[in-house]
């Protein structure tokens, strides 16, 4: 008999995360980052080595994980928070804050099975950050949801960090890891490739991915998009072209009002059958700041075998961005993120109009309420 070959999902990994520190973990699909976070969260135990945890763990390891689909949002809040270590009285005290943070006042007494993915994500995040965790584990959650809610999540994470919470974040966005983390760890095939300064680690990760994509990018003449923008290989277009992005349409158009919905329709063509490609959309301000970075993998959407022509649509229910000029980047990638089949960078401009000209990128619905007051205790001196 042939001896059974051992497969190590994780091997020779060592790191610490101090209170008030954020560690960002990056790697391709299947690199072992989610398994690592599960071990840190107490889901299973390592075959070798040990995991030392201190304090209460808040874990966002999967969209809707821990929710019972037949229970209402209210019931799930209590069950999930009590399992996390809160008493029923503590949950009751925090309940209204959880619901308001998740923005689910209208739906909190509906069964979770009626919730969209985004609604489940908002509720899961709200519960996790209200359990007063000493350690917060976040597995790709910051790539989903609308822009305004992402900003709220980042604000809450920053607040927890200031309060001494240790945070471990997994993201496929090297830019996000670089911007948010104090230290970064790059995993490949279950082993550490780089560990240290986020700018350095993220740069190495991106360089490797770009190098493989560039190696596979064929030389071909420029092409024009429907709007007349020229696609030039190795300038604003990269990828092996095994799957081609044939058309990108922004609906209702390339100019919208802040708060309006936006659909991004991506047409593609694949001469040969290709299994489980990943489609991605990144929306960034003209100054380079990333507003949205999402993809089909992070939304747990596994595409079937693709061949021939087709299209895929990303629907954003509302785009709460400040007035300004943005770019929509679209891509289709190999199933493990090793390289891009086709990637269009800064090809599709988007102009967001808003009567509010404030700083920052996000412009959520808002109002100022001024209570009536009376001035007393003053007298006029003649």
Protein backbone atom coordinates (compact mmCIF):
# COMPACT_ATOMS: atom_id res chain seq x y z
CA UNK A 1 0.00 0.00 0.00
CA UNK A 2 1.13 3.50 -0.79
CA UNK A 3 1.66 5.59 2.35
CA UNK A 4 -0.93 8.28 3.01
CA UNK A 5 0.49 11.71 2.24
CA UNK A 6 -0.11 14.30 4.94
CA UNK A 7 -1.59 17.65 4.02
CA UNK A 8 -0.93 20.54 6.37
CA UNK A 9 -3.50 23.32 6.11
CA UNK A 10 -1.22 25.44 8.32
CA UNK A 11 2.43 24.90 9.20
CA UNK A 12 5.11 26.72 11.22
CA UNK A 13 3.05 29.83 12.01
CA UNK A 14 3.81 32.05 14.98
CA UNK A 15 2.56 35.54 15.82
CA UNK A 16 1.20 37.64 18.66
CA UNK A 17 -1.36 40.43 18.68
CA UNK A 18 -1.16 42.87 21.58
CA UNK A 19 -4.10 44.78 23.10
CA UNK A 20 -4.93 47.78 20.93
CA UNK A 21 -3.15 46.31 17.90
CA UNK A 22 -4.50 45.14 14.53
CA UNK A 23 -2.95 42.30 12.53
CA UNK A 24 -3.94 42.10 8.86
CA UNK A 25 -3.73 38.71 7.14
CA UNK A 26 -3.63 38.43 3.35
CA UNK A 27 -3.39 35.50 0.97
CA UNK A 28 -5.05 33.84 -2.00
CA UNK A 29 -8.14 31.65 -1.58
CA UNK A 30 -7.12 28.41 0.09
CA UNK A 31 -4.01 29.91 1.70
CA UNK A 32 -5.25 28.86 5.14
CA UNK A 33 -6.18 32.26 6.54
CA UNK A 34 -9.78 31.31 7.43
CA UNK A 35 -8.60 28.08 9.08
CA UNK A 36 -6.11 30.13 11.10
CA UNK A 37 -8.82 32.49 12.30
CA UNK A 38 -11.05 29.55 13.28
CA UNK A 39 -8.27 28.12 15.44
CA UNK A 40 -7.72 31.51 17.09
CA UNK A 41 -11.46 31.70 17.70
CA UNK A 42 -11.53 28.29 19.37
CA UNK A 43 -13.17 26.38 16.52
CA UNK A 44 -11.02 23.25 16.62
CA UNK A 45 -7.50 22.84 17.94
CA UNK A 46 -4.12 22.56 16.19
CA UNK A 47 -2.47 19.15 15.71
CA UNK A 48 0.81 20.73 16.74
CA UNK A 49 1.56 23.86 18.74
CA UNK A 50 -0.89 25.90 20.77
CA UNK A 51 -3.10 28.97 20.61
CA UNK A 52 -3.15 31.22 23.67
CA UNK A 53 -6.12 33.54 24.00
CA UNK A 54 -6.92 36.04 26.70
CA UNK A 55 -10.38 37.46 27.33
CA UNK A 56 -13.63 37.42 25.40
CA UNK A 57 -13.54 36.62 21.68
CA UNK A 58 -15.76 38.41 19.17
CA UNK A 59 -15.71 36.45 15.91
CA UNK A 60 -17.01 37.31 12.45
CA UNK A 61 -15.89 34.18 10.65
CA UNK A 62 -18.71 33.67 8.18
CA UNK A 63 -21.69 35.60 6.82
CA UNK A 64 -24.59 34.79 9.14
CA UNK A 65 -22.57 32.19 11.05
CA UNK A 66 -24.26 31.26 14.31
CA UNK A 67 -27.68 32.51 13.22
CA UNK A 68 -30.65 30.16 13.12
CA UNK A 69 -32.62 30.91 9.96
CA UNK A 70 -36.02 30.18 11.52
CA UNK A 71 -35.48 32.46 14.50
CA UNK A 72 -36.18 36.18 14.29
CA UNK A 73 -33.43 38.76 14.32
CA UNK A 74 -34.36 39.60 17.94
CA UNK A 75 -34.09 35.97 19.02
CA UNK A 76 -30.79 35.52 17.20
CA UNK A 77 -29.33 38.60 18.89
CA UNK A 78 -30.01 37.11 22.32
CA UNK A 79 -28.82 33.60 21.43
CA UNK A 80 -25.62 34.76 19.72
CA UNK A 81 -24.67 37.30 22.39
CA UNK A 82 -25.34 34.87 25.26
CA UNK A 83 -23.21 32.21 23.55
CA UNK A 84 -20.49 34.88 23.26
CA UNK A 85 -20.53 35.28 27.04
CA UNK A 86 -23.04 38.03 27.86
CA UNK A 87 -25.81 37.58 30.40
CA UNK A 88 -29.41 38.00 29.30
CA UNK A 89 -29.57 41.26 31.26
CA UNK A 90 -26.46 42.58 29.48
CA UNK A 91 -27.94 41.69 26.10
CA UNK A 92 -31.19 43.45 26.99
CA UNK A 93 -29.25 46.61 27.91
CA UNK A 94 -27.37 46.57 24.60
CA UNK A 95 -30.24 45.37 22.43
CA UNK A 96 -31.46 48.74 21.16
CA UNK A 97 -27.92 49.85 20.34
CA UNK A 98 -27.35 46.61 18.39
CA UNK A 99 -30.53 47.06 16.36
CA UNK A 100 -29.81 50.72 15.63
CA UNK A 101 -26.23 49.95 14.60
CA UNK A 102 -27.45 47.21 12.24
CA UNK A 103 -30.17 49.54 10.89
CA UNK A 104 -32.75 46.74 11.14
CA UNK A 105 -35.46 48.33 13.28
CA UNK A 106 -38.17 47.41 10.75
CA UNK A 107 -37.05 43.80 10.31
CA UNK A 108 -35.77 42.75 13.74
CA UNK A 109 -38.85 40.60 14.44
CA UNK A 110 -38.76 38.86 11.05
CA UNK A 111 -37.11 35.44 10.57
CA UNK A 112 -33.46 35.69 9.56
CA UNK A 113 -34.17 33.48 6.53
CA UNK A 114 -35.96 36.51 5.04
CA UNK A 115 -32.85 38.70 5.43
CA UNK A 116 -30.56 39.53 2.55
CA UNK A 117 -26.85 38.70 2.85
CA UNK A 118 -26.14 42.34 3.65
CA UNK A 119 -28.75 42.41 6.43
CA UNK A 120 -27.30 39.27 8.01
CA UNK A 121 -23.83 40.77 7.81
CA UNK A 122 -24.95 43.99 9.49
CA UNK A 123 -26.64 42.12 12.32
CA UNK A 124 -23.68 39.77 12.84
CA UNK A 125 -21.25 42.68 12.98
CA UNK A 126 -23.47 44.67 15.34
CA UNK A 127 -23.74 41.76 17.78
CA UNK A 128 -20.00 41.01 17.69
CA UNK A 129 -18.89 44.57 18.44
CA UNK A 130 -21.43 44.96 21.25
CA UNK A 131 -20.20 41.92 23.18
CA UNK A 132 -17.27 44.03 24.49
CA UNK A 133 -14.64 41.70 22.99
CA UNK A 134 -11.02 41.65 24.10
CA UNK A 135 -10.15 40.04 20.76
CA UNK A 136 -12.09 40.70 17.53
CA UNK A 137 -11.67 38.34 14.56
CA UNK A 138 -12.89 39.67 11.20
CA UNK A 139 -12.87 37.37 8.15
CA UNK A 140 -13.40 39.46 4.97
CA UNK A 141 -16.46 41.23 6.42
CA UNK A 142 -15.25 44.71 5.47
CA UNK A 143 -15.58 43.99 1.76
CA UNK A 144 -19.35 43.67 1.85
CA UNK A 145 -22.19 46.03 2.60
CA UNK A 146 -22.84 49.54 1.38
CA UNK A 147 -20.28 52.32 1.63
CA UNK A 148 -21.93 54.08 4.56
CA UNK A 149 -22.12 50.90 6.63
CA UNK A 150 -18.52 50.00 5.81
CA UNK A 151 -17.49 53.42 7.12
CA UNK A 152 -19.52 52.85 10.29
CA UNK A 153 -17.87 49.44 10.78
CA UNK A 154 -14.40 50.94 10.37
CA UNK A 155 -15.26 53.65 12.87
CA UNK A 156 -16.44 51.10 15.41
CA UNK A 157 -13.34 48.95 14.89
CA UNK A 158 -11.13 51.99 15.44
CA UNK A 159 -13.04 52.73 18.65
CA UNK A 160 -12.56 49.15 19.92
CA UNK A 161 -8.88 49.34 19.04
CA UNK A 162 -8.49 52.55 21.07
CA UNK A 163 -10.18 50.77 23.98
CA UNK A 164 -7.53 48.03 23.90
CA UNK A 165 -9.20 45.37 21.77
CA UNK A 166 -6.78 43.17 19.79
CA UNK A 167 -8.02 42.76 16.21
CA UNK A 168 -7.18 40.17 13.56
CA UNK A 169 -8.45 41.05 10.09
CA UNK A 170 -8.48 38.88 6.95
CA UNK A 171 -8.83 40.65 3.62
CA UNK A 172 -8.06 39.97 -0.03
CA UNK A 173 -7.46 43.71 -0.41
CA UNK A 174 -3.79 44.48 0.11
CA UNK A 175 -4.67 48.19 0.16
CA UNK A 176 -7.16 47.67 2.99
CA UNK A 177 -4.64 45.67 5.03
CA UNK A 178 -1.99 48.32 4.44
CA UNK A 179 -4.30 51.16 5.50
CA UNK A 180 -5.77 49.53 8.62
CA UNK A 181 -3.15 47.22 10.11
CA UNK A 182 -0.27 47.78 12.52
CA UNK A 183 1.37 44.57 11.29
CA UNK A 184 0.64 42.22 8.41
CA UNK A 185 1.04 38.51 7.71
CA UNK A 186 1.04 36.95 4.24
CA UNK A 187 0.06 33.29 3.97
CA UNK A 188 0.62 31.00 0.99
CA UNK A 189 -0.27 27.28 1.05
CA UNK A 190 -0.56 27.43 4.83
CA UNK A 191 2.87 28.93 5.47
CA UNK A 192 4.09 32.42 6.31
CA UNK A 193 5.72 34.16 3.35
CA UNK A 194 6.16 37.56 5.00
CA UNK A 195 5.37 39.09 8.39
CA UNK A 196 5.92 42.64 9.56
CA UNK A 197 5.37 46.20 8.30
CA UNK A 198 2.04 46.29 6.38
CA UNK A 199 3.35 48.50 3.59
CA UNK A 200 6.21 46.07 2.91
CA UNK A 201 4.18 42.86 3.22
CA UNK A 202 1.25 44.14 1.15
CA UNK A 203 3.66 45.43 -1.47
CA UNK A 204 5.32 42.03 -1.79
CA UNK A 205 1.94 40.30 -2.07
CA UNK A 206 0.71 42.65 -4.79
CA UNK A 207 4.01 42.45 -6.68
CA UNK A 208 3.83 38.66 -6.85
CA UNK A 209 0.23 38.69 -8.05
CA UNK A 210 0.97 41.38 -10.64
CA UNK A 211 4.08 39.54 -11.84
CA UNK A 212 2.11 36.38 -12.57
CA UNK A 213 -0.64 38.37 -14.29
CA UNK A 214 1.88 40.29 -16.41
CA UNK A 215 3.66 37.07 -17.34
CA UNK A 216 0.40 35.71 -18.70
CA UNK A 217 -0.79 38.91 -20.41
CA UNK A 218 -0.60 38.51 -24.21
CA UNK A 219 0.49 41.30 -26.55
CA UNK A 220 -2.49 42.58 -28.49
CA UNK A 221 -3.54 45.82 -30.21
CA UNK A 222 -5.57 48.45 -28.32
CA UNK A 223 -9.36 48.11 -28.23
CA UNK A 224 -12.10 50.67 -27.71
CA UNK A 225 -14.80 50.33 -25.07
CA UNK A 226 -18.42 51.18 -25.89
CA UNK A 227 -17.83 54.69 -24.51
CA UNK A 228 -14.75 55.16 -26.69
CA UNK A 229 -12.07 54.67 -24.03
CA UNK A 230 -8.99 52.87 -25.33
CA UNK A 231 -7.96 49.66 -23.58
CA UNK A 232 -4.19 49.22 -23.75
CA UNK A 233 -2.47 46.06 -22.57
CA UNK A 234 -0.16 46.58 -19.56
CA UNK A 235 -1.40 50.15 -19.11
CA UNK A 236 -5.06 49.97 -18.14
CA UNK A 237 -5.70 46.34 -19.07
CA UNK A 238 -4.02 43.25 -17.62
CA UNK A 239 -4.64 39.51 -17.71
CA UNK A 240 -4.26 36.27 -19.61
CA UNK A 241 -7.47 36.87 -21.65
CA UNK A 242 -8.62 33.28 -21.06
CA UNK A 243 -11.82 35.05 -20.04
CA UNK A 244 -12.32 38.48 -21.62
CA UNK A 245 -14.37 41.34 -20.20
CA UNK A 246 -16.21 42.44 -23.33
CA UNK A 247 -18.34 45.27 -21.97
CA UNK A 248 -19.02 47.19 -18.77
CA UNK A 249 -22.17 49.27 -18.30
CA UNK A 250 -22.97 51.55 -15.37
CA UNK A 251 -26.72 51.88 -14.79
CA UNK A 252 -28.43 54.34 -14.73
CA UNK A 253 -25.27 55.96 -16.13
CA UNK A 254 -21.79 57.30 -15.48
CA UNK A 255 -23.25 60.24 -13.53
CA UNK A 256 -25.49 59.69 -10.51
CA UNK A 257 -26.67 61.50 -7.38
CA UNK A 258 -25.32 60.54 -3.98
CA UNK A 259 -27.66 57.98 -2.39
CA UNK A 260 -28.86 56.62 -5.73
CA UNK A 261 -28.57 52.91 -6.59
CA UNK A 262 -25.94 51.74 -9.06
CA UNK A 263 -25.74 48.61 -11.18
CA UNK A 264 -22.45 47.49 -12.70
CA UNK A 265 -23.09 45.08 -15.57
CA UNK A 266 -20.05 43.11 -16.75
CA UNK A 267 -20.17 41.26 -20.04
CA UNK A 268 -17.67 38.47 -20.59
CA UNK A 269 -16.57 35.88 -23.14
CA UNK A 270 -14.78 32.58 -22.51
CA UNK A 271 -13.86 30.47 -25.56
CA UNK A 272 -12.95 27.47 -23.37
CA UNK A 273 -14.71 26.12 -20.27
CA UNK A 274 -13.25 27.58 -17.07
CA UNK A 275 -14.38 26.61 -13.58
CA UNK A 276 -15.17 28.98 -10.72
CA UNK A 277 -13.74 32.33 -11.86
CA UNK A 278 -13.93 35.24 -9.41
CA UNK A 279 -15.38 38.57 -10.57
CA UNK A 280 -14.30 41.71 -8.73
CA UNK A 281 -15.32 45.37 -8.57
CA UNK A 282 -13.32 48.15 -6.95
CA UNK A 283 -14.65 51.69 -6.69
CA UNK A 284 -12.07 54.32 -5.79
CA UNK A 285 -11.88 58.10 -5.58
CA UNK A 286 -9.73 59.84 -8.16
CA UNK A 287 -7.14 60.48 -5.43
CA UNK A 288 -6.68 56.72 -5.04
CA UNK A 289 -8.68 56.07 -1.86
CA UNK A 290 -10.67 52.83 -2.06
CA UNK A 291 -14.40 53.14 -1.32
CA UNK A 292 -15.63 49.66 -2.26
CA UNK A 293 -13.59 46.51 -2.87
CA UNK A 294 -15.80 43.48 -3.36
CA UNK A 295 -15.92 40.24 -5.31
CA UNK A 296 -17.99 37.12 -5.83
CA UNK A 297 -15.74 35.03 -3.56
CA UNK A 298 -16.13 37.24 -0.50
CA UNK A 299 -19.91 37.14 -1.04
CA UNK A 300 -19.64 33.33 -1.06
CA UNK A 301 -20.93 33.13 -4.63
CA UNK A 302 -19.23 30.29 -6.49
CA UNK A 303 -19.79 30.61 -10.20
CA UNK A 304 -20.32 27.43 -12.23
CA UNK A 305 -18.28 26.50 -15.25
CA UNK A 306 -18.33 29.43 -17.69
CA UNK A 307 -18.05 29.14 -21.45
CA UNK A 308 -19.22 31.34 -24.28
CA UNK A 309 -20.75 34.74 -23.62
CA UNK A 310 -22.55 35.93 -20.52
CA UNK A 311 -22.90 38.77 -18.07
CA UNK A 312 -22.83 39.29 -14.33
CA UNK A 313 -24.30 42.25 -12.44
CA UNK A 314 -23.32 43.85 -9.15
CA UNK A 315 -26.23 45.73 -7.58
CA UNK A 316 -25.47 48.48 -5.06
CA UNK A 317 -28.74 49.51 -3.42
CA UNK A 318 -27.48 53.00 -2.63
CA UNK A 319 -24.17 54.75 -3.10
CA UNK A 320 -23.72 57.23 -0.26
CA UNK A 321 -20.61 58.94 -1.59
CA UNK A 322 -19.61 62.57 -1.42
CA UNK A 323 -19.56 64.76 -4.49
CA UNK A 324 -16.61 63.88 -6.70
CA UNK A 325 -15.05 61.86 -9.48
CA UNK A 326 -14.52 58.14 -9.01
CA UNK A 327 -13.33 55.15 -11.03
CA UNK A 328 -14.86 51.67 -11.30
CA UNK A 329 -12.28 48.92 -11.82
CA UNK A 330 -13.55 45.49 -12.89
CA UNK A 331 -11.80 42.15 -13.11
CA UNK A 332 -12.18 38.42 -13.48
CA UNK A 333 -9.63 36.25 -11.72
CA UNK A 334 -8.37 32.69 -11.44
CA UNK A 335 -10.18 30.80 -8.67
CA UNK A 336 -7.24 31.04 -6.22
CA UNK A 337 -6.39 34.67 -7.04
CA UNK A 338 -3.07 33.60 -8.55
CA UNK A 339 -3.55 35.90 -11.55
CA UNK A 340 -6.18 37.84 -13.48
CA UNK A 341 -7.91 36.59 -16.59
CA UNK A 342 -8.82 40.19 -17.43
CA UNK A 343 -8.61 43.37 -15.38
CA UNK A 344 -9.63 46.90 -16.42
CA UNK A 345 -7.98 49.58 -14.27
CA UNK A 346 -9.32 53.16 -14.13
CA UNK A 347 -11.22 52.69 -17.38
CA UNK A 348 -14.78 53.49 -16.26
CA UNK A 349 -15.28 56.95 -14.67
CA UNK A 350 -18.19 57.69 -12.35
CA UNK A 351 -19.29 61.19 -11.36
CA UNK A 352 -21.25 61.45 -8.09
CA UNK A 353 -23.28 64.64 -7.64
CA UNK A 354 -24.24 65.92 -4.21
CA UNK A 355 -25.46 69.25 -2.89
CA UNK A 356 -23.40 68.61 0.25
CA UNK A 357 -19.76 69.50 -0.33
CA UNK A 358 -18.17 68.07 2.83
CA UNK A 359 -14.83 66.41 3.43
CA UNK A 360 -14.34 62.66 3.40
CA UNK A 361 -15.72 60.10 0.98
CA UNK A 362 -18.99 59.00 2.57
CA UNK A 363 -22.15 61.10 2.69
CA UNK A 364 -24.76 59.04 4.59
CA UNK A 365 -28.38 60.17 5.07
CA UNK A 366 -28.30 62.71 7.88
CA UNK A 367 -30.20 65.43 9.65
CA UNK A 368 -29.55 67.91 12.42
CA UNK A 369 -32.25 68.22 15.08
CA UNK A 370 -32.23 71.45 17.08
CA UNK A 371 -34.35 71.52 20.22
CA UNK A 372 -36.17 74.70 21.10
CA UNK A 373 -34.65 76.52 24.03
CA UNK A 374 -35.34 79.69 25.98
CA UNK A 375 -32.72 82.20 27.00
CA UNK A 376 -33.16 83.15 30.63
CA UNK A 377 -31.15 84.88 33.34
CA UNK A 378 -30.22 87.87 31.20
CA UNK A 379 -31.34 91.47 31.57
CA UNK A 380 -30.76 94.50 29.48
CA UNK A 381 -28.69 97.29 31.04
CA UNK A 382 -29.70 100.79 29.98
